[in-house]
Protein backbone atom coordinates (compact mmCIF):
# COMPACT_ATOMS: atom_id res chain seq x y z
CA MET A 1 21.79 11.45 3.51
CA ASP A 2 23.50 9.19 1.02
CA PHE A 3 21.19 8.88 -1.98
CA ALA A 4 23.20 6.14 -3.68
CA LEU A 5 21.65 2.67 -3.59
CA THR A 6 23.69 0.03 -1.82
CA GLU A 7 24.86 -3.02 -3.74
CA GLU A 8 22.15 -5.04 -2.03
CA GLN A 9 19.47 -2.52 -3.00
CA GLN A 10 20.70 -2.48 -6.59
CA MET A 11 20.52 -6.26 -6.65
CA VAL A 12 16.95 -6.22 -5.29
CA GLN A 13 15.95 -3.54 -7.80
CA LYS A 14 17.38 -5.55 -10.69
CA THR A 15 15.76 -8.78 -9.49
CA VAL A 16 12.31 -7.24 -9.09
CA ARG A 17 12.55 -5.43 -12.44
CA GLN A 18 13.42 -8.67 -14.22
CA PHE A 19 10.56 -10.40 -12.42
CA VAL A 20 8.09 -7.68 -13.44
CA ASP A 21 9.30 -7.72 -17.06
CA ALA A 22 9.02 -11.51 -17.28
CA GLU A 23 5.93 -12.31 -15.21
CA ILE A 24 3.69 -9.22 -15.13
CA MET A 25 4.27 -7.07 -18.20
CA PRO A 26 3.40 -9.75 -20.81
CA ASN A 27 0.10 -10.63 -19.09
CA ILE A 28 -1.23 -7.61 -17.26
CA ALA A 29 -3.29 -6.19 -20.13
CA GLU A 30 -5.24 -9.44 -20.37
CA TRP A 31 -5.65 -9.76 -16.58
CA ASP A 32 -6.84 -6.16 -16.41
CA ALA A 33 -9.35 -6.66 -19.23
CA GLN A 34 -10.72 -9.82 -17.61
CA GLY A 35 -10.72 -8.45 -14.06
CA HIS A 36 -8.60 -11.44 -13.10
CA PHE A 37 -6.35 -11.55 -10.02
CA GLU A 38 -3.39 -13.84 -10.72
CA HIS A 39 -2.61 -15.46 -7.38
CA SER A 40 0.50 -17.21 -8.71
CA ILE A 41 2.27 -13.83 -8.77
CA LEU A 42 2.08 -13.74 -4.97
CA ASP A 43 3.58 -17.23 -4.83
CA LYS A 44 6.44 -16.13 -7.07
CA MET A 45 6.93 -12.97 -5.00
CA ALA A 46 7.22 -15.22 -1.96
CA GLU A 47 9.86 -17.34 -3.70
CA LEU A 48 11.90 -14.15 -4.22
CA GLY A 49 11.51 -13.20 -0.55
CA LEU A 50 9.41 -10.13 -1.36
CA MET A 51 6.54 -10.87 1.04
CA GLY A 52 8.68 -10.18 4.10
CA ILE A 53 11.29 -7.83 2.68
CA CYS A 54 11.76 -5.76 5.84
CA ILE A 55 10.58 -8.26 8.44
CA PRO A 56 13.44 -9.50 10.70
CA GLU A 57 15.04 -12.78 9.71
CA LYS A 58 14.11 -14.36 13.06
CA TYR A 59 10.47 -14.06 11.98
CA GLY A 60 11.08 -15.49 8.52
CA GLY A 61 11.68 -12.24 6.65
CA SER A 62 14.60 -10.87 4.65
CA GLY A 63 15.60 -8.32 7.30
CA MET A 64 16.21 -5.53 4.78
CA ASP A 65 15.64 -1.83 5.43
CA TYR A 66 12.55 0.23 4.68
CA ASN A 67 13.97 1.97 1.63
CA THR A 68 14.54 -1.46 0.11
CA LEU A 69 10.82 -2.04 0.62
CA ALA A 70 10.24 1.25 -1.22
CA ILE A 71 12.37 0.04 -4.14
CA VAL A 72 10.35 -3.18 -4.32
CA CYS A 73 7.06 -1.25 -4.35
CA GLU A 74 8.30 1.15 -7.02
CA GLU A 75 9.31 -1.68 -9.32
CA LEU A 76 6.09 -3.65 -8.72
CA GLU A 77 3.92 -0.66 -9.59
CA ARG A 78 5.95 -0.08 -12.71
CA GLY A 79 4.34 -3.38 -13.77
CA ASP A 80 0.90 -2.68 -12.33
CA THR A 81 -0.67 -1.09 -9.28
CA THR A 82 -2.35 -4.43 -8.48
CA PHE A 83 0.77 -6.14 -7.21
CA ARG A 84 2.19 -3.13 -5.43
CA THR A 85 -1.15 -2.92 -3.65
CA ALA A 86 -0.75 -6.54 -2.59
CA ALA A 87 2.69 -5.77 -1.16
CA SER A 88 1.38 -2.63 0.56
CA VAL A 89 -1.50 -4.41 2.25
CA HIS A 90 0.30 -7.64 3.11
CA THR A 91 3.56 -6.08 4.30
CA GLY A 92 2.91 -2.40 5.03
CA LEU A 93 -0.50 -2.56 6.69
CA ASN A 94 -0.61 -6.08 8.11
CA SER A 95 2.80 -7.64 8.78
CA MET A 96 4.63 -4.49 9.86
CA THR A 97 1.79 -3.65 12.24
CA ILE A 98 2.01 -7.07 13.87
CA LEU A 99 5.79 -6.57 14.08
CA GLN A 100 5.26 -3.25 15.87
CA TRP A 101 2.38 -4.11 18.19
CA GLY A 102 2.19 -7.89 18.43
CA SER A 103 3.15 -10.06 21.36
CA GLU A 104 5.94 -12.56 20.89
CA GLU A 105 3.35 -15.33 20.66
CA GLN A 106 1.46 -13.44 17.94
CA LYS A 107 4.65 -12.82 16.00
CA GLN A 108 5.60 -16.47 16.12
CA LYS A 109 2.12 -17.64 15.13
CA TYR A 110 1.22 -15.06 12.48
CA LEU A 111 4.28 -13.10 11.41
CA GLN A 112 6.37 -16.14 10.51
CA PRO A 113 3.98 -17.51 7.85
CA LEU A 114 3.21 -13.99 6.59
CA ALA A 115 6.86 -13.10 6.10
CA SER A 116 7.56 -16.32 4.21
CA GLY A 117 4.51 -15.84 1.99
CA GLU A 118 2.94 -19.08 3.20
CA LYS A 119 0.00 -16.95 4.34
CA VAL A 120 -1.36 -13.65 2.99
CA GLY A 121 -2.39 -10.71 5.17
CA ALA A 122 -4.96 -7.93 4.70
CA PHE A 123 -6.29 -4.90 6.57
CA GLY A 124 -9.87 -4.04 7.56
CA LEU A 125 -10.52 -0.46 8.69
CA THR A 126 -12.83 1.21 6.12
CA GLU A 127 -16.59 0.73 6.32
CA PRO A 128 -19.44 1.93 4.11
CA ASN A 129 -19.94 4.95 6.41
CA ALA A 130 -16.43 5.21 7.84
CA GLY A 131 -13.54 6.23 5.62
CA SER A 132 -11.58 9.32 6.62
CA ASP A 133 -13.84 9.51 9.69
CA VAL A 134 -12.61 6.32 11.38
CA ALA A 135 -14.73 6.85 14.48
CA ALA A 136 -17.90 6.48 12.40
CA MET A 137 -17.35 2.72 12.14
CA ASN A 138 -20.12 0.41 13.29
CA SER A 139 -18.24 -2.88 13.80
CA THR A 140 -18.29 -4.14 17.38
CA ALA A 141 -16.41 -6.76 19.38
CA THR A 142 -18.16 -7.75 22.60
CA LYS A 143 -16.16 -9.69 25.16
CA GLU A 144 -17.72 -12.96 26.31
CA GLY A 145 -15.47 -15.15 28.45
CA ASP A 146 -12.32 -16.07 26.50
CA TYR A 147 -13.62 -14.61 23.24
CA TYR A 148 -14.68 -11.39 21.58
CA ILE A 149 -17.84 -11.70 19.47
CA LEU A 150 -17.16 -9.70 16.32
CA ASN A 151 -20.00 -8.26 14.21
CA GLY A 152 -20.00 -5.81 11.33
CA SER A 153 -18.45 -5.38 7.91
CA LYS A 154 -15.58 -3.67 6.11
CA THR A 155 -15.40 -2.44 2.53
CA TRP A 156 -12.78 -1.66 -0.12
CA ILE A 157 -10.60 -4.40 1.34
CA SER A 158 -7.70 -5.37 -0.92
CA LEU A 159 -7.11 -9.15 -1.10
CA CYS A 160 -10.56 -9.73 0.42
CA ASP A 161 -10.95 -13.17 -1.20
CA VAL A 162 -7.25 -14.03 -1.08
CA ALA A 163 -5.93 -13.17 2.38
CA ASP A 164 -5.71 -15.68 5.22
CA TYR A 165 -5.28 -13.24 8.12
CA PHE A 166 -7.03 -9.89 8.53
CA LEU A 167 -6.15 -7.03 10.86
CA VAL A 168 -9.60 -5.77 11.86
CA PHE A 169 -10.74 -2.78 13.93
CA ALA A 170 -13.93 -2.63 15.98
CA TYR A 171 -15.47 -0.92 18.98
CA THR A 172 -14.96 -2.76 22.27
CA GLY A 173 -16.50 0.02 24.35
CA GLU A 174 -19.11 2.73 23.96
CA LYS A 175 -19.18 4.15 20.44
CA GLU A 176 -20.37 7.70 19.91
CA GLY A 177 -17.26 8.51 17.88
CA LYS A 178 -14.76 7.78 20.66
CA HIS A 179 -11.36 6.74 19.29
CA SER A 180 -10.40 5.41 22.72
CA SER A 181 -13.01 2.64 22.44
CA ILE A 182 -11.60 1.10 19.24
CA SER A 183 -9.50 -2.08 19.43
CA ALA A 184 -7.57 -4.17 16.91
CA PHE A 185 -7.80 -7.92 16.27
CA ILE A 186 -6.11 -10.55 14.15
CA VAL A 187 -8.91 -12.47 12.43
CA GLU A 188 -8.56 -15.70 10.46
CA ARG A 189 -10.56 -16.37 7.30
CA GLU A 190 -11.48 -19.91 8.33
CA TRP A 191 -13.39 -18.87 11.44
CA GLN A 192 -17.12 -19.45 11.39
CA GLY A 193 -19.13 -16.34 10.57
CA PHE A 194 -16.49 -14.78 8.31
CA SER A 195 -17.29 -14.19 4.63
CA SER A 196 -16.09 -12.01 1.76
CA LYS A 197 -17.36 -10.69 -1.56
CA ALA A 198 -15.44 -8.99 -4.39
CA ILE A 199 -16.46 -5.59 -5.77
CA LYS A 200 -16.86 -5.47 -9.53
CA GLY A 201 -16.96 -2.52 -11.94
CA LYS A 202 -13.93 -0.62 -10.63
CA LEU A 203 -12.46 2.24 -12.64
CA GLY A 204 -8.91 0.97 -12.17
CA ILE A 205 -6.75 -1.74 -10.57
CA ARG A 206 -9.09 -4.17 -12.31
CA ALA A 207 -6.60 -7.02 -12.02
CA GLY A 208 -6.73 -6.66 -8.25
CA ASN A 209 -8.98 -8.40 -5.75
CA THR A 210 -10.96 -5.77 -3.82
CA GLY A 211 -14.20 -6.14 -1.93
CA GLU A 212 -16.09 -6.50 1.33
CA ILE A 213 -15.62 -8.70 4.38
CA PHE A 214 -18.39 -9.58 6.82
CA PHE A 215 -18.45 -10.74 10.45
CA ASP A 216 -21.50 -12.55 11.78
CA ASP A 217 -20.88 -13.46 15.44
CA VAL A 218 -17.26 -14.37 14.70
CA LYS A 219 -15.59 -15.75 17.85
CA VAL A 220 -12.16 -14.10 18.16
CA PRO A 221 -9.95 -15.60 20.91
CA LYS A 222 -8.89 -12.98 23.44
CA GLU A 223 -5.23 -13.72 22.64
CA ASN A 224 -5.90 -12.31 19.14
CA LEU A 225 -6.40 -8.82 20.53
CA LEU A 226 -3.52 -6.78 19.09
CA GLY A 227 -2.10 -4.41 21.69
CA GLU A 228 -4.46 -3.44 24.48
CA GLU A 229 -8.16 -2.67 24.45
CA GLY A 230 -8.67 0.91 23.29
CA GLU A 231 -5.36 1.11 21.40
CA GLY A 232 -6.98 0.35 18.06
CA PHE A 233 -6.96 3.90 16.74
CA LYS A 234 -3.27 4.35 17.53
CA ILE A 235 -2.52 1.00 15.95
CA ALA A 236 -4.48 1.95 12.84
CA MET A 237 -2.64 5.26 12.50
CA SER A 238 0.75 3.58 12.89
CA ALA A 239 -0.30 1.03 10.27
CA LEU A 240 -1.20 3.84 7.90
CA ASP A 241 2.28 5.33 8.39
CA ASN A 242 3.56 2.07 6.92
CA GLY A 243 0.92 1.65 4.24
CA ARG A 244 1.14 5.24 3.02
CA PHE A 245 4.89 4.87 2.70
CA THR A 246 4.49 1.92 0.33
CA VAL A 247 1.75 3.72 -1.63
CA ALA A 248 4.04 6.71 -2.12
CA ALA A 249 6.87 4.46 -3.26
CA GLY A 250 4.53 2.73 -5.68
CA ALA A 251 3.41 6.08 -7.08
CA SER A 252 7.03 6.71 -8.08
CA GLY A 253 6.83 3.47 -10.06
CA LEU A 254 3.71 4.63 -11.86
CA ILE A 255 5.42 7.89 -12.78
CA MET A 256 8.38 5.89 -14.05
CA ALA A 257 6.10 3.66 -16.15
CA SER A 258 4.33 6.70 -17.60
CA LEU A 259 7.65 8.34 -18.41
CA GLU A 260 9.15 5.22 -20.02
CA ALA A 261 6.08 4.68 -22.20
CA SER A 262 5.96 8.35 -23.21
CA VAL A 263 9.65 8.57 -24.08
CA ALA A 264 9.38 5.44 -26.23
CA TYR A 265 6.36 6.87 -28.04
CA CYS A 266 8.10 10.23 -28.51
CA HIS A 267 10.78 8.45 -30.54
CA GLU A 268 8.25 6.32 -32.40
CA ARG A 269 5.68 8.91 -33.46
CA LYS A 270 6.35 11.75 -35.92
CA THR A 271 4.27 14.84 -36.67
CA PHE A 272 5.04 17.79 -38.91
CA GLY A 273 8.14 15.99 -40.17
CA LYS A 274 9.82 15.28 -36.81
CA GLU A 275 9.58 13.12 -33.72
CA ILE A 276 6.95 14.46 -31.35
CA GLY A 277 9.60 14.66 -28.63
CA LYS A 278 11.07 17.58 -30.58
CA HIS A 279 7.98 19.68 -29.93
CA GLN A 280 8.36 21.90 -26.88
CA LEU A 281 4.92 21.32 -25.38
CA VAL A 282 5.54 17.56 -25.45
CA GLN A 283 8.95 18.16 -23.89
CA GLN A 284 7.21 20.12 -21.16
CA MET A 285 5.10 17.09 -20.23
CA ILE A 286 8.13 14.80 -20.31
CA ALA A 287 10.08 17.21 -18.11
CA LYS A 288 7.22 17.40 -15.61
CA MET A 289 7.14 13.61 -15.34
CA GLU A 290 10.89 13.50 -14.70
CA ALA A 291 10.65 16.21 -12.04
CA GLY A 292 7.73 14.44 -10.36
CA LEU A 293 9.65 11.17 -10.30
CA GLN A 294 12.75 12.67 -8.72
CA MET A 295 10.82 14.70 -6.13
CA SER A 296 8.68 11.72 -5.18
CA ARG A 297 11.71 9.50 -4.66
CA LEU A 298 13.35 12.10 -2.43
CA LEU A 299 10.25 12.40 -0.25
CA VAL A 300 9.89 8.62 -0.02
CA PHE A 301 13.53 7.99 0.85
CA LYS A 302 13.45 10.74 3.49
CA ALA A 303 10.49 9.03 5.18
CA GLY A 304 12.23 5.67 4.79
CA GLU A 305 15.36 6.93 6.48
CA LEU A 306 13.31 8.06 9.46
CA LYS A 307 11.75 4.61 9.59
CA ASN A 308 15.22 3.06 9.49
CA LYS A 309 16.09 5.11 12.57
CA GLY A 310 12.88 4.18 14.38
CA VAL A 311 11.68 7.81 14.41
CA ARG A 312 8.01 8.85 14.15
CA ASN A 313 7.42 9.85 10.52
CA THR A 314 3.69 10.60 10.16
CA ARG A 315 4.29 14.10 8.81
CA GLU A 316 6.95 13.06 6.30
CA THR A 317 5.08 9.97 5.14
CA SER A 318 1.88 11.97 4.68
CA LEU A 319 3.72 14.52 2.54
CA ALA A 320 5.33 11.78 0.44
CA LYS A 321 2.02 9.99 -0.09
CA TRP A 322 0.13 13.19 -0.93
CA GLN A 323 2.65 14.56 -3.40
CA ALA A 324 3.78 11.30 -5.04
CA CYS A 325 0.19 10.24 -5.73
CA ASN A 326 -0.64 13.65 -7.20
CA PHE A 327 2.47 13.51 -9.37
CA ALA A 328 1.53 10.00 -10.53
CA ASN A 329 -2.00 11.05 -11.46
CA GLU A 330 -0.64 14.02 -13.42
CA ALA A 331 2.06 11.91 -15.10
CA ALA A 332 -0.46 9.30 -16.23
CA ASN A 333 -2.78 11.99 -17.54
CA ASP A 334 0.08 13.61 -19.46
CA ALA A 335 1.15 10.22 -20.80
CA VAL A 336 -2.29 9.76 -22.35
CA GLN A 337 -1.99 13.24 -23.86
CA VAL A 338 1.45 12.45 -25.31
CA HIS A 339 0.00 9.35 -26.97
CA GLY A 340 -2.92 11.33 -28.40
CA ALA A 341 -5.81 9.21 -29.68
CA TYR A 342 -3.79 6.03 -29.10
CA GLY A 343 -3.57 6.93 -25.40
CA TYR A 344 -7.33 6.58 -25.26
CA SER A 345 -7.20 2.93 -26.28
CA ASN A 346 -5.78 -0.15 -24.59
CA GLU A 347 -3.36 -0.66 -27.47
CA TYR A 348 -0.91 1.20 -25.23
CA PRO A 349 -0.65 0.82 -21.43
CA VAL A 350 -1.05 4.49 -20.54
CA GLU A 351 -4.85 4.38 -20.34
CA ARG A 352 -4.46 1.71 -17.65
CA TYR A 353 -1.93 3.89 -15.85
CA LEU A 354 -4.43 6.74 -15.78
CA ARG A 355 -7.24 4.53 -14.47
CA ASN A 356 -4.95 3.01 -11.84
CA SER A 357 -3.58 6.38 -10.73
CA LYS A 358 -6.91 7.59 -9.36
CA ALA A 359 -7.35 5.13 -6.49
CA PRO A 360 -4.14 6.04 -4.57
CA VAL A 361 -5.25 9.69 -4.55
CA ILE A 362 -8.25 8.50 -2.53
CA TYR A 363 -7.25 5.55 -0.34
CA GLU A 364 -5.12 5.62 2.80
CA GLY A 365 -6.02 9.25 3.31
CA THR A 366 -7.50 11.32 0.49
CA ARG A 367 -5.37 14.13 -0.90
CA GLU A 368 -7.75 16.50 0.92
CA ILE A 369 -7.04 14.80 4.27
CA HIS A 370 -3.29 15.02 3.64
CA THR A 371 -3.65 18.68 2.65
CA VAL A 372 -5.32 19.40 5.97
CA MET A 373 -2.68 17.37 7.85
CA GLN A 374 0.19 19.30 6.29
CA ALA A 375 -1.49 22.64 6.94
CA ARG A 376 -2.02 21.75 10.61
CA TYR A 377 1.62 20.74 10.97
CA ALA A 378 2.75 24.01 9.37
CA LEU A 379 0.41 26.03 11.61
CA GLY A 380 1.65 24.28 14.73
CA GLU A 381 -1.74 22.72 15.44
CA THR A 382 -0.42 19.15 15.23
CA GLU A 383 2.66 17.43 16.57
CA ASP A 384 3.91 13.88 16.34
CA LYS A 385 3.35 12.65 19.86
CA PRO A 386 5.10 9.33 20.54
CA LEU A 387 3.03 6.20 20.15
CA ARG A 388 3.39 3.43 22.73
CA GLU A 389 6.31 2.10 20.71
CA MET A 390 7.82 2.77 17.32
CA LEU A 391 8.90 0.42 14.59
CA PRO A 392 12.22 -1.18 15.43
CA ALA A 393 15.20 0.64 13.99
CA TRP A 394 17.13 -1.04 11.20
CA PRO A 395 19.30 -3.11 11.20
CA PHE A 396 17.08 -5.32 13.29
CA GLU A 397 18.54 -6.95 16.32
CA GLU A 398 18.31 -10.73 16.46
């Protein structure tokens, strides 16, 4: 592997960093305190081409590779987890899944406006009683003529009040925990019977829009079935391969933010007659952040390279997500410790980093789920069986 960034990747990295420094950094503390989601940031991301970074140009995207997407997510989370989450959900979970599983008609109708940022996409899998145990979902889609009648609800949905198109999973056959009876649908916000409600009082990612979506006899045209009936579980797992990749990349950005803030404070603060960075136990925390950042990037780029080749990468992406999110949580915790009492206040950003770092350890597979996955791979109990089709290899063919 060549670990050097290409000129194009360096340009993207510089552009996104400048954007974050100018548009997010000066305002994020206020947005976080107010629990305000700033929709204009998505519009500005669209202007920069960031909403379809690795969607083929023929569908309105930028046609860049998956590691460029990782770079974008890292830089966005350096500003705040809120906007990396938006990129993860819109691109990783929604758009890339339609790219992989959608018909040509679905790609033309939905992927084009998503890639350009004209429309925003979201993902609906989790339910109040169905998180890691996907088969425990209660949502149903009953076929009646040319429609499926969708009923149920989803929770912890990022961009719940913002997104235009939702990728939703529901039972189309007998339930009883059977993965083979789950199907996937593209659902539009404007359809009758759809509603959403934000969740308040979150520990972190307070500037983000997260909540519940509800379906009350929503009529979903049969042409909005993604893939075939019964392929929903496979589609969901392939989507999570994409989403977890972006979460892992974002975690690297949170480590970087924690490290940058801590290094700056180490030079600013003095105790016992010298900068605190001269004390060995502080150096130990700084060194651990640096190691976590470098290891996370290596794991992310390895998974990204497999994606570029169109190779199944569930094992590698799981490992990257598990470890990078753990490193990020530890880095944010150490950053608060480096700042001492000031780290406990919002005068410095590290308390926000710590609050934000907790959610990625839980969503898109808890660290416990990923621990079990990696153990099963190591014990030979799990293998990456091919899905119906993999993501297209990069560079994309026109």
